[in-house]
Amino acid sequence: MAAASGSKRIAVDHSEHLEKLVTRGMPLHEALTCAAGTTLLEADETHYREVFDGILESMLQRSPTVEEATLGCAYVGLDGLDLLYGNDALLATMIHGVIPHGFDARLGIGENKFIAYLAAQQADPGGSFKAPEDTKQFVRPFFIDQMPVSSEAQDRLHQLGLHRIGDLAPFHLGPMQAQFGPEGRLIRELAQGIDSRPLTPIHQEERITERIEFPYASVSLDMLTLGLEMLLKRAFARPEMRGRFVGKAAVECGVNDAPAWSRTYAFKEGLGSPELALSAIQARLTIDPPQRAIEEVSLALSDFTGEPSAQGGILRNTRDSRAERLVDVDRRLQPHLNGSPALYRVVDIAPGHPLPEMRVVQVPIDPSAAQRMKPLNLPAPVPARLERGSAVAVTPSAKHREQIAAIEDSWTVDIWWWAPQPAKRNYYRLCLADNTTMTVFHDPLAGKWYRQNY
């Protein structure tokens, strides 16, 4: 397991069988050299953060005082909750209940943050532990490294031969402050089981989130821009966004076979329309785009204000009324189509792409529509076979019989040969018996024929 330390990457943990080869803090390249043949797993910290944020939000539904200490560690204020849940066992069950299955969280109950943290260290995975009332005696066996003080102070304590918290018991406040300055008081109090640090509740930031899946993984910046345009229009169409302006947008892209790509954009002033927000995000995306194929995009808007900006006022006076009328017409027609959109627009994504179905997509006119973007010109299976290399026996449709069609032109598309799902197609433009043309291709990897306009 590796982590960043300044500009360097160091080893922070390892398997037991590497105990004699790898030490904590060793430069990563050196650790990999000493432990040849090992596998380095990259941490998906964006995903970890997303999961932990979800847990914190669930905890805030149970207690108004929740403090995030570090990723994976939080403090929950229990004052008043005993009246709701009755006893510590039910409280522990309630807290464990908001944690997703598979996380063997350790829960500690104590009279202050430090005692609760040490109690959690004593709990079994998936269990809970309540610290005894004699906190001074309780903290004695624990190592200095578990105290919430600076690493410099911990190193200094070890240099003085003080390795466990109980080793600090003989020292009074004066010598501790002389040795460690202001931090000496905290060290002395912690050694007595006292922690006067207050619980600092998380500030719940209001967020509006939207998400969209792409019809296929794409490296096209135009596809990403279109996805963001749809998400922004959907977000600004919400009733709670009326008359409000957004100051921050967080974009996260689900990347194929890699950790998610994410960026947060803070705007100089509140933006009151999807067009302005898209323009601001697009300017930065052009400089720093994702480097891998994107499968999905999520958007989170926050930092809202109700004060209009000068730009927002101008935009509202010049809004495209034609687009609004089209949306209104579409919404009037939807009840007659089982709620499905009636009007769409076609957007060029990659006009020169060798695969026709990846050149354009179809998106609903109505920004609040649940339907996502759809690819057009998808291949359709067709009965066909190659005849002596110069003609194709093909059945154009169910209404036609098989006929021998002359080959007017042929070409091969062979891309993504390095990927798990390569694309190889042998295209043929055919002249049918009625002098019309049809384009088909043979997929040698699947052994099937398809009809597709090229």
Protein backbone atom coordinates (compact mmCIF):
# COMPACT_ATOMS: atom_id res chain seq x y z
CA MET A 1 0.00 0.00 0.00
CA ALA A 2 1.40 3.38 -0.98
CA ALA A 3 0.71 7.01 -0.18
CA ALA A 4 2.05 10.41 -1.17
CA SER A 5 4.40 12.27 1.17
CA GLY A 6 5.08 15.68 -0.31
CA SER A 7 6.34 15.02 -3.83
CA LYS A 8 7.41 11.45 -3.00
CA ARG A 9 5.45 8.21 -2.83
CA ILE A 10 6.20 5.99 0.15
CA ALA A 11 5.09 2.59 1.44
CA VAL A 12 2.64 2.81 4.34
CA ASP A 13 1.57 -0.83 4.72
CA HIS A 14 2.37 -4.29 3.40
CA SER A 15 1.52 -7.96 3.72
CA GLU A 16 2.87 -9.87 6.74
CA HIS A 17 5.25 -12.00 4.65
CA LEU A 18 7.09 -8.81 3.59
CA GLU A 19 7.83 -7.79 7.19
CA LYS A 20 11.61 -8.25 6.83
CA LEU A 21 11.83 -6.64 3.39
CA VAL A 22 9.64 -3.55 3.52
CA THR A 23 9.45 -0.89 6.22
CA ARG A 24 6.91 1.87 6.67
CA GLY A 25 8.08 5.13 5.11
CA MET A 26 10.39 3.41 2.62
CA PRO A 27 10.39 5.08 -0.85
CA LEU A 28 7.95 3.22 -3.06
CA HIS A 29 10.45 2.41 -5.81
CA GLU A 30 12.79 0.92 -3.21
CA ALA A 31 9.99 -1.13 -1.63
CA LEU A 32 9.00 -2.55 -5.02
CA THR A 33 12.62 -3.46 -5.70
CA CYS A 34 12.94 -5.27 -2.38
CA ALA A 35 9.67 -7.11 -2.89
CA ALA A 36 10.00 -8.19 -6.51
CA GLY A 37 6.92 -9.79 -8.01
CA THR A 38 4.44 -8.00 -5.77
CA THR A 39 1.37 -6.21 -7.13
CA LEU A 40 0.82 -2.51 -6.48
CA LEU A 41 -2.86 -1.58 -6.16
CA GLU A 42 -3.72 2.05 -6.89
CA ALA A 43 -6.23 3.53 -4.45
CA ASP A 44 -9.45 4.90 -5.94
CA GLU A 45 -9.61 7.80 -3.49
CA THR A 46 -12.41 9.54 -5.38
CA HIS A 47 -14.62 6.49 -4.92
CA TYR A 48 -13.62 6.15 -1.26
CA ARG A 49 -14.54 9.79 -0.70
CA GLU A 50 -17.91 9.34 -2.41
CA VAL A 51 -18.78 6.30 -0.27
CA PHE A 52 -17.64 7.94 2.97
CA ASP A 53 -19.56 11.14 2.19
CA GLY A 54 -22.66 9.00 1.76
CA ILE A 55 -22.08 7.42 5.18
CA LEU A 56 -21.63 10.85 6.78
CA GLU A 57 -24.85 12.10 5.19
CA SER A 58 -26.70 9.07 6.58
CA MET A 59 -25.25 9.72 10.04
CA LEU A 60 -26.42 13.33 9.88
CA GLN A 61 -29.96 12.00 9.53
CA ARG A 62 -29.54 10.38 12.97
CA SER A 63 -27.47 12.99 14.82
CA PRO A 64 -27.07 16.73 14.13
CA THR A 65 -23.47 16.67 15.41
CA VAL A 66 -21.18 14.63 13.17
CA GLU A 67 -17.52 15.56 12.72
CA GLU A 68 -15.27 14.10 10.03
CA ALA A 69 -11.82 13.44 11.47
CA THR A 70 -10.10 11.80 8.51
CA LEU A 71 -11.23 9.70 5.57
CA GLY A 72 -12.82 6.69 7.26
CA CYS A 73 -13.01 8.17 10.76
CA ALA A 74 -15.81 10.32 12.21
CA TYR A 75 -17.12 11.43 15.60
CA VAL A 76 -20.85 11.38 16.37
CA GLY A 77 -22.35 13.40 19.22
CA LEU A 78 -24.68 11.22 21.30
CA ASP A 79 -26.13 13.92 23.57
CA GLY A 80 -29.89 13.55 23.68
CA LEU A 81 -29.95 10.41 21.55
CA ASP A 82 -30.22 8.22 24.64
CA LEU A 83 -33.76 9.56 25.06
CA LEU A 84 -34.60 8.21 21.60
CA TYR A 85 -32.73 4.90 21.65
CA GLY A 86 -32.68 4.06 25.35
CA ASN A 87 -29.22 2.54 25.84
CA ASP A 88 -25.72 2.30 24.36
CA ALA A 89 -26.39 -1.04 22.67
CA LEU A 90 -29.30 0.38 20.68
CA LEU A 91 -27.26 3.50 19.88
CA ALA A 92 -24.47 1.32 18.50
CA THR A 93 -26.97 -0.69 16.46
CA MET A 94 -28.39 2.54 15.02
CA ILE A 95 -24.96 3.82 13.96
CA HIS A 96 -23.89 0.49 12.47
CA GLY A 97 -27.18 0.47 10.58
CA VAL A 98 -26.20 3.46 8.43
CA ILE A 99 -22.92 1.86 7.33
CA PRO A 100 -23.12 -0.17 4.08
CA HIS A 101 -22.85 -3.93 4.29
CA GLY A 102 -19.29 -5.18 3.99
CA PHE A 103 -17.66 -2.40 6.02
CA ASP A 104 -16.59 -3.90 9.35
CA ALA A 105 -16.64 -0.56 11.13
CA ARG A 106 -15.38 -0.36 14.71
CA LEU A 107 -17.47 1.81 17.03
CA GLY A 108 -16.08 3.31 20.24
CA ILE A 109 -18.13 5.08 22.92
CA GLY A 110 -16.41 7.43 25.34
CA GLU A 111 -16.81 10.68 27.25
CA ASN A 112 -14.66 12.66 24.78
CA LYS A 113 -13.24 12.31 21.27
CA PHE A 114 -9.89 10.80 22.27
CA ILE A 115 -11.44 8.21 24.56
CA ALA A 116 -14.02 7.28 21.91
CA TYR A 117 -11.24 6.88 19.32
CA LEU A 118 -9.22 4.57 21.58
CA ALA A 119 -12.37 2.63 22.43
CA ALA A 120 -12.96 2.07 18.71
CA GLN A 121 -9.45 0.59 18.51
CA GLN A 122 -10.51 -1.96 21.13
CA ALA A 123 -13.72 -2.94 19.32
CA ASP A 124 -13.95 -6.04 17.17
CA PRO A 125 -14.53 -5.51 13.42
CA GLY A 126 -18.21 -4.75 13.01
CA GLY A 127 -18.62 -4.38 16.78
CA SER A 128 -18.56 -1.70 19.46
CA PHE A 129 -16.72 -1.03 22.72
CA LYS A 130 -17.56 1.38 25.54
CA ALA A 131 -14.61 2.85 27.44
CA PRO A 132 -14.57 2.41 31.24
CA GLU A 133 -15.18 5.37 33.54
CA ASP A 134 -11.53 5.41 34.73
CA THR A 135 -10.22 7.05 31.56
CA LYS A 136 -6.79 7.82 33.05
CA GLN A 137 -6.13 4.13 33.55
CA PHE A 138 -7.77 3.22 30.23
CA VAL A 139 -5.36 5.27 28.09
CA ARG A 140 -2.14 3.99 29.71
CA PRO A 141 -1.47 0.90 27.49
CA PHE A 142 -1.93 2.70 24.18
CA PHE A 143 1.04 3.83 22.08
CA ILE A 144 2.08 7.46 21.74
CA ASP A 145 1.38 7.23 17.98
CA GLN A 146 -2.37 7.08 18.69
CA MET A 147 -2.43 10.53 20.28
CA PRO A 148 -3.87 13.36 18.12
CA VAL A 149 -0.67 15.42 18.22
CA SER A 150 1.87 16.39 15.56
CA SER A 151 4.23 13.79 14.12
CA GLU A 152 7.14 15.94 15.33
CA ALA A 153 5.87 15.66 18.91
CA GLN A 154 5.42 11.91 18.55
CA ASP A 155 8.96 11.51 17.21
CA ARG A 156 10.34 13.61 20.07
CA LEU A 157 8.50 11.51 22.66
CA HIS A 158 9.95 8.33 21.16
CA GLN A 159 13.44 9.87 21.24
CA LEU A 160 12.93 10.51 24.96
CA GLY A 161 12.09 6.84 25.45
CA LEU A 162 8.38 7.51 26.00
CA HIS A 163 6.54 4.99 23.83
CA ARG A 164 3.25 4.42 25.64
CA ILE A 165 0.80 6.96 27.00
CA GLY A 166 1.29 5.57 30.49
CA ASP A 167 4.97 6.60 30.31
CA LEU A 168 3.83 10.25 30.47
CA ALA A 169 2.07 9.90 33.84
CA PRO A 170 5.02 11.10 36.04
CA PHE A 171 5.48 14.37 34.11
CA HIS A 172 3.75 17.57 35.21
CA LEU A 173 2.44 20.35 32.99
CA GLY A 174 5.48 22.65 33.35
CA PRO A 175 8.10 20.25 31.96
CA MET A 176 5.75 19.19 29.14
CA GLN A 177 5.18 22.78 28.03
CA ALA A 178 8.89 23.52 28.30
CA GLN A 179 9.64 20.60 26.00
CA PHE A 180 6.72 20.86 23.55
CA GLY A 181 5.43 24.42 23.83
CA PRO A 182 1.65 24.97 23.58
CA GLU A 183 1.20 21.36 22.43
CA GLY A 184 2.58 20.22 25.78
CA ARG A 185 -0.71 21.01 27.53
CA LEU A 186 -2.67 18.85 25.07
CA ILE A 187 -0.19 15.97 25.50
CA ARG A 188 -0.45 16.21 29.28
CA GLU A 189 -4.26 16.28 29.25
CA LEU A 190 -4.55 13.38 26.81
CA ALA A 191 -2.27 11.32 29.05
CA GLN A 192 -4.79 11.94 31.85
CA GLY A 193 -7.72 10.84 29.66
CA ILE A 194 -8.85 14.45 29.21
CA ASP A 195 -9.74 15.84 25.78
CA SER A 196 -11.26 19.32 25.77
CA ARG A 197 -11.36 19.60 21.98
CA PRO A 198 -14.95 20.40 20.96
CA LEU A 199 -16.95 18.38 18.47
CA THR A 200 -17.02 20.40 15.24
CA PRO A 201 -20.14 19.44 13.28
CA ILE A 202 -20.03 19.09 9.52
CA HIS A 203 -21.59 21.98 7.65
CA GLN A 204 -24.17 20.43 5.36
CA GLU A 205 -23.67 22.09 2.02
CA GLU A 206 -26.74 22.21 -0.18
CA ARG A 207 -26.06 20.40 -3.43
CA ILE A 208 -28.03 19.69 -6.58
CA THR A 209 -26.75 16.60 -8.37
CA GLU A 210 -27.45 15.09 -11.77
CA ARG A 211 -25.97 12.10 -13.59
CA ILE A 212 -25.99 10.72 -17.12
CA GLU A 213 -24.63 7.58 -18.77
CA PHE A 214 -23.15 7.72 -22.24
CA PRO A 215 -24.39 5.22 -24.84
CA TYR A 216 -20.76 4.11 -25.25
CA ALA A 217 -17.37 4.96 -23.78
CA SER A 218 -15.99 8.01 -25.57
CA VAL A 219 -12.85 10.14 -25.57
CA SER A 220 -14.66 12.92 -27.45
CA LEU A 221 -14.61 16.28 -25.68
CA ASP A 222 -17.76 17.14 -27.65
CA MET A 223 -19.53 14.16 -26.07
CA LEU A 224 -18.47 15.30 -22.59
CA THR A 225 -19.58 18.86 -23.34
CA LEU A 226 -22.96 17.62 -24.57
CA GLY A 227 -23.39 15.52 -21.43
CA LEU A 228 -22.60 18.52 -19.22
CA GLU A 229 -25.00 20.69 -21.23
CA MET A 230 -27.81 18.19 -20.63
CA LEU A 231 -27.00 17.92 -16.91
CA LEU A 232 -26.82 21.69 -16.44
CA LYS A 233 -30.12 22.26 -18.24
CA ARG A 234 -31.71 19.52 -16.16
CA ALA A 235 -30.34 21.03 -12.92
CA PHE A 236 -31.39 24.60 -13.75
CA ALA A 237 -34.87 23.34 -14.73
CA ARG A 238 -35.50 22.20 -11.15
CA PRO A 239 -38.01 24.30 -9.17
CA GLU A 240 -35.49 24.93 -6.38
CA MET A 241 -33.15 26.67 -8.86
CA ARG A 242 -35.59 29.41 -9.83
CA GLY A 243 -34.08 32.82 -9.14
CA ARG A 244 -30.89 31.26 -7.77
CA PHE A 245 -27.28 31.41 -8.88
CA VAL A 246 -24.57 28.81 -8.57
CA GLY A 247 -21.01 29.49 -7.41
CA LYS A 248 -19.42 26.06 -7.70
CA ALA A 249 -19.70 22.99 -9.93
CA ALA A 250 -18.10 19.58 -9.32
CA VAL A 251 -17.72 17.29 -12.34
CA GLU A 252 -16.88 13.61 -12.04
CA CYS A 253 -16.35 11.31 -15.01
CA GLY A 254 -16.60 7.55 -14.76
CA VAL A 255 -13.52 6.43 -16.67
CA ASN A 256 -13.14 3.03 -18.29
CA ASP A 257 -10.93 0.68 -16.20
CA ALA A 258 -9.43 3.51 -14.13
CA PRO A 259 -10.20 5.67 -11.08
CA ALA A 260 -12.79 8.36 -11.68
CA TRP A 261 -11.64 11.72 -13.08
CA SER A 262 -12.99 14.69 -11.10
CA ARG A 263 -12.61 18.47 -11.06
CA THR A 264 -14.26 21.25 -9.04
CA TYR A 265 -14.81 24.64 -10.65
CA ALA A 266 -15.43 27.77 -8.56
CA PHE A 267 -16.97 30.69 -10.43
CA LYS A 268 -15.97 34.32 -9.80
CA GLU A 269 -19.62 35.30 -9.48
CA GLY A 270 -22.92 33.46 -9.28
CA LEU A 271 -24.09 32.11 -12.64
CA GLY A 272 -27.82 32.00 -13.26
CA SER A 273 -28.14 29.94 -16.44
CA PRO A 274 -26.93 26.61 -17.83
CA GLU A 275 -25.36 28.42 -20.81
CA LEU A 276 -23.12 30.59 -18.63
CA ALA A 277 -22.15 27.67 -16.39
CA LEU A 278 -21.33 25.48 -19.40
CA SER A 279 -19.19 28.22 -20.95
CA ALA A 280 -17.19 28.62 -17.73
CA ILE A 281 -16.65 24.86 -17.34
CA GLN A 282 -15.88 24.31 -21.02
CA ALA A 283 -13.11 26.92 -20.96
CA ARG A 284 -11.29 24.94 -18.28
CA LEU A 285 -12.05 21.53 -19.77
CA THR A 286 -10.29 22.56 -22.96
CA ILE A 287 -7.09 23.09 -20.96
CA ASP A 288 -7.43 20.06 -18.68
CA PRO A 289 -9.62 17.34 -20.27
CA PRO A 290 -9.92 13.69 -19.15
CA GLN A 291 -7.34 11.45 -20.77
CA ARG A 292 -9.39 8.24 -20.98
CA ALA A 293 -12.68 7.07 -22.46
CA ILE A 294 -15.65 8.28 -20.40
CA GLU A 295 -18.67 6.11 -19.64
CA GLU A 296 -20.72 8.41 -17.39
CA VAL A 297 -20.73 11.94 -15.98
CA SER A 298 -22.10 13.32 -12.74
CA LEU A 299 -22.54 17.00 -11.86
CA ALA A 300 -22.97 18.60 -8.44
CA LEU A 301 -23.89 22.29 -8.11
CA SER A 302 -23.38 24.12 -4.82
CA ASP A 303 -22.56 27.49 -3.21
CA PHE A 304 -25.92 28.99 -4.12
CA THR A 305 -26.95 32.63 -3.81
CA GLY A 306 -30.19 34.42 -4.51
CA GLU A 307 -28.55 37.60 -5.73
CA PRO A 308 -28.55 37.97 -9.52
CA SER A 309 -25.37 38.86 -11.36
CA ALA A 310 -25.18 41.38 -14.20
CA GLN A 311 -24.55 38.57 -16.69
CA GLY A 312 -27.58 36.64 -15.49
CA GLY A 313 -29.86 39.64 -15.98
CA ILE A 314 -28.64 40.19 -19.53
CA LEU A 315 -29.12 36.53 -20.42
CA ARG A 316 -32.68 36.47 -19.14
CA ASN A 317 -33.60 39.34 -21.43
CA THR A 318 -32.17 37.60 -24.51
CA ARG A 319 -33.34 34.04 -23.87
CA ASP A 320 -34.11 31.99 -26.95
CA SER A 321 -37.92 32.01 -26.95
CA ARG A 322 -38.01 29.57 -29.87
CA ALA A 323 -36.30 26.89 -27.80
CA GLU A 324 -38.78 27.49 -24.97
CA ARG A 325 -41.71 27.12 -27.36
CA LEU A 326 -40.33 23.82 -28.64
CA VAL A 327 -40.00 22.50 -25.09
CA ASP A 328 -43.57 23.57 -24.38
CA VAL A 329 -44.84 21.78 -27.50
CA ASP A 330 -42.88 18.66 -26.57
CA ARG A 331 -44.36 18.57 -23.07
CA ARG A 332 -47.87 18.89 -24.49
CA LEU A 333 -47.24 15.90 -26.76
CA GLN A 334 -45.61 13.65 -24.16
CA PRO A 335 -48.91 12.51 -22.51
CA HIS A 336 -49.96 11.13 -25.90
CA LEU A 337 -46.69 9.13 -26.15
CA ASN A 338 -46.80 7.42 -22.74
CA GLY A 339 -44.59 10.14 -21.28
CA SER A 340 -41.80 9.76 -23.84
CA PRO A 341 -40.29 12.86 -25.49
CA ALA A 342 -41.71 13.74 -28.89
CA LEU A 343 -39.02 16.12 -30.13
CA TYR A 344 -35.29 15.49 -30.35
CA ARG A 345 -32.23 17.18 -31.75
CA VAL A 346 -29.30 15.51 -33.47
CA VAL A 347 -25.82 16.56 -32.35
CA ASP A 348 -22.54 15.90 -34.15
CA ILE A 349 -20.04 14.24 -31.82
CA ALA A 350 -17.29 12.90 -34.08
CA PRO A 351 -18.30 13.35 -37.76
CA GLY A 352 -15.15 11.64 -39.03
CA HIS A 353 -15.27 8.61 -36.74
CA PRO A 354 -14.63 5.33 -38.62
CA LEU A 355 -17.66 3.73 -36.91
CA PRO A 356 -20.84 5.45 -38.17
CA GLU A 357 -22.83 4.89 -34.96
CA MET A 358 -20.33 7.04 -33.04
CA ARG A 359 -20.64 10.12 -35.22
CA VAL A 360 -23.89 11.65 -33.96
CA VAL A 361 -26.28 11.23 -31.03
CA GLN A 362 -29.93 12.07 -30.47
CA VAL A 363 -30.98 13.99 -27.35
CA PRO A 364 -34.42 15.14 -26.14
CA ILE A 365 -35.43 18.78 -26.60
CA ASP A 366 -36.91 18.81 -23.08
CA PRO A 367 -34.03 19.17 -20.56
CA SER A 368 -36.09 17.52 -17.80
CA ALA A 369 -36.70 14.36 -19.85
CA ALA A 370 -35.47 11.19 -18.18
CA GLN A 371 -34.26 9.68 -21.46
CA ARG A 372 -30.53 9.84 -22.11
CA MET A 373 -28.70 10.47 -25.37
CA LYS A 374 -29.01 7.76 -28.02
CA PRO A 375 -26.65 6.82 -30.85
CA LEU A 376 -28.03 6.81 -34.40
CA ASN A 377 -27.31 4.63 -37.42
CA LEU A 378 -26.76 1.49 -35.36
CA PRO A 379 -25.82 -1.70 -37.26
CA ALA A 380 -28.76 -4.01 -38.01
CA PRO A 381 -28.25 -7.77 -38.49
CA VAL A 382 -28.77 -8.93 -42.07
CA PRO A 383 -28.53 -12.40 -43.67
CA ALA A 384 -25.53 -12.32 -46.02
CA ARG A 385 -22.52 -14.29 -47.18
CA LEU A 386 -19.56 -13.67 -49.44
CA GLU A 387 -19.78 -15.24 -52.92
CA ARG A 388 -16.44 -16.03 -54.60
CA GLY A 389 -14.92 -12.80 -53.26
CA SER A 390 -16.56 -10.60 -55.92
CA ALA A 391 -20.21 -10.59 -54.84
CA VAL A 392 -22.36 -10.87 -51.72
CA ALA A 393 -25.48 -12.99 -51.37
CA VAL A 394 -27.78 -10.81 -49.27
CA THR A 395 -31.42 -10.68 -48.17
CA PRO A 396 -32.12 -6.91 -47.95
CA SER A 397 -35.28 -7.31 -45.83
CA ALA A 398 -37.94 -9.78 -44.79
CA LYS A 399 -39.95 -8.82 -47.88
CA HIS A 400 -37.12 -9.71 -50.28
CA ARG A 401 -35.59 -12.95 -51.40
CA GLU A 402 -31.88 -13.58 -51.32
CA GLN A 403 -30.06 -12.03 -54.26
CA ILE A 404 -26.52 -11.88 -55.51
CA ALA A 405 -25.31 -8.28 -55.31
CA ALA A 406 -22.20 -6.98 -57.04
CA ILE A 407 -19.56 -5.28 -54.88
CA GLU A 408 -19.05 -1.66 -55.95
CA ASP A 409 -16.52 -0.83 -53.24
CA SER A 410 -14.97 -2.41 -50.14
CA TRP A 411 -12.86 -1.23 -47.22
CA THR A 412 -11.79 -2.41 -43.78
CA VAL A 413 -12.06 -0.68 -40.40
CA ASP A 414 -9.71 -2.05 -37.74
CA ILE A 415 -9.51 0.00 -34.52
CA TRP A 416 -9.01 -0.55 -30.80
CA TRP A 417 -6.96 -3.68 -31.49
CA TRP A 418 -5.27 -3.16 -28.10
CA ALA A 419 -8.56 -2.88 -26.16
CA PRO A 420 -10.62 -5.66 -24.53
CA GLN A 421 -13.31 -5.11 -27.21
CA PRO A 422 -11.57 -4.37 -30.53
CA ALA A 423 -13.58 -3.40 -33.63
CA LYS A 424 -12.80 -4.99 -36.99
CA ARG A 425 -15.23 -4.69 -39.89
CA ASN A 426 -15.06 -5.51 -43.59
CA TYR A 427 -17.44 -3.10 -45.35
CA TYR A 428 -19.02 -3.69 -48.80
CA ARG A 429 -21.07 -1.24 -50.85
CA LEU A 430 -23.45 -3.38 -52.91
CA CYS A 431 -25.45 -2.75 -56.07
CA LEU A 432 -28.79 -4.55 -55.76
CA ALA A 433 -30.95 -5.94 -58.55
CA ASP A 434 -33.12 -2.80 -58.66
CA ASN A 435 -29.97 -0.63 -59.10
CA THR A 436 -30.18 0.71 -55.53
CA THR A 437 -27.16 0.55 -53.24
CA MET A 438 -26.78 -0.89 -49.77
CA THR A 439 -23.81 -1.00 -47.42
CA VAL A 440 -23.14 -4.06 -45.29
CA PHE A 441 -20.20 -5.22 -43.22
CA HIS A 442 -18.89 -8.51 -41.92
CA ASP A 443 -17.58 -8.73 -38.36
CA PRO A 444 -14.93 -11.47 -38.48
CA LEU A 445 -14.59 -11.47 -34.68
CA ALA A 446 -18.29 -12.26 -34.19
CA GLY A 447 -18.78 -14.04 -37.51
CA LYS A 448 -21.90 -11.97 -38.31
CA TRP A 449 -23.16 -9.62 -41.04
CA TYR A 450 -24.79 -6.23 -40.50
CA ARG A 451 -26.43 -3.53 -42.59
CA GLN A 452 -25.36 0.06 -41.91
CA ASN A 453 -25.33 3.34 -43.82
CA TYR A 454 -21.79 4.64 -44.19
